[in-house]
């Protein structure tokens, strides 16, 4: 396993910011770390990347514990921080040369790495332009390029799309998917479910520093009744057959409001039987299955709105 974080704990005075968080990232995969602002995502990332020492727990890279500020295993990690770590008054290429020198890259290595990183993030044609002329999305893409110079095996991204326009966000996602296909392991923190849906094979949700769910997307959706709900448009408000529908095996609830029938099932495998029952009582023109989002998953797990920090 490329990355293993085991029982990470971090305290700041009386505040326990991270409380026993564990996660794994395999090569060629993306693990999402989701939660509301203030949930402990950045503190967790800081411990995994070696910026903060955990009070308890351990971080393992390729099965070996990460220890100390000068541990050479840190060279396997590329960190894309939430706050932009680039110099506005310098050109993009000059920024990368500074970061490359910090990684100890030789001139020929740095030249190749900088050109490859700028090409990947779509900034090769703006390499000599000052960063202050860049859009917010371009700056985010340069921030990613800086983390790739030393060809890390593990790339940690702490909410890398904050303040980014949709076009740049899509470009960043394309870059990350390309890196994953090359065998890189990605740890991606966000509070946007749609980002995790696109990028992540496994999703970990944390709240108040603790893991409250750890599964793939399909497994998380099963936690939420909305993901097992059929919505059927009716021709009228009357549904005298509704009590009989409620008595069907696998039907947890069935209610009608504003000519829309919502049926919550114990398992979506029951959907054909339920739809067949409805079709025998009225023409069936349109139905959908309602999809869970992070808001509804979080509400189900905690009883609170996502950003009630």
Foldseek 3Di string as FASTA:
>chain_A
DFKWWFQFWADDVVATQAGGDIDDWFWLFEEEEAAAPSQNPVVVVCCQLVVDPTPDTFMDGVRHTDDDPPRPLSLLEFELDPDQDFDQAFFLLVRLVVLVVVVVDDPVLSVVLLCVLCVLLVNNVRRRPGNVPDDPLVSLSSSVSSRPSSPHQEYEYEASCVPHDPVSVVSVQVSLNVNSVVGHIYYYYDHFQVSCVSGHQWYWYGGSNYTLDIGGPVVLFLLFQLQQKKKFAAPDQDDPCQVVLCPDPQWPDWDDDPRIIITGGNDNVCVVVSVVVVCVVGPGDDMDRGTDTSQRSVCSRPVDGRHPD
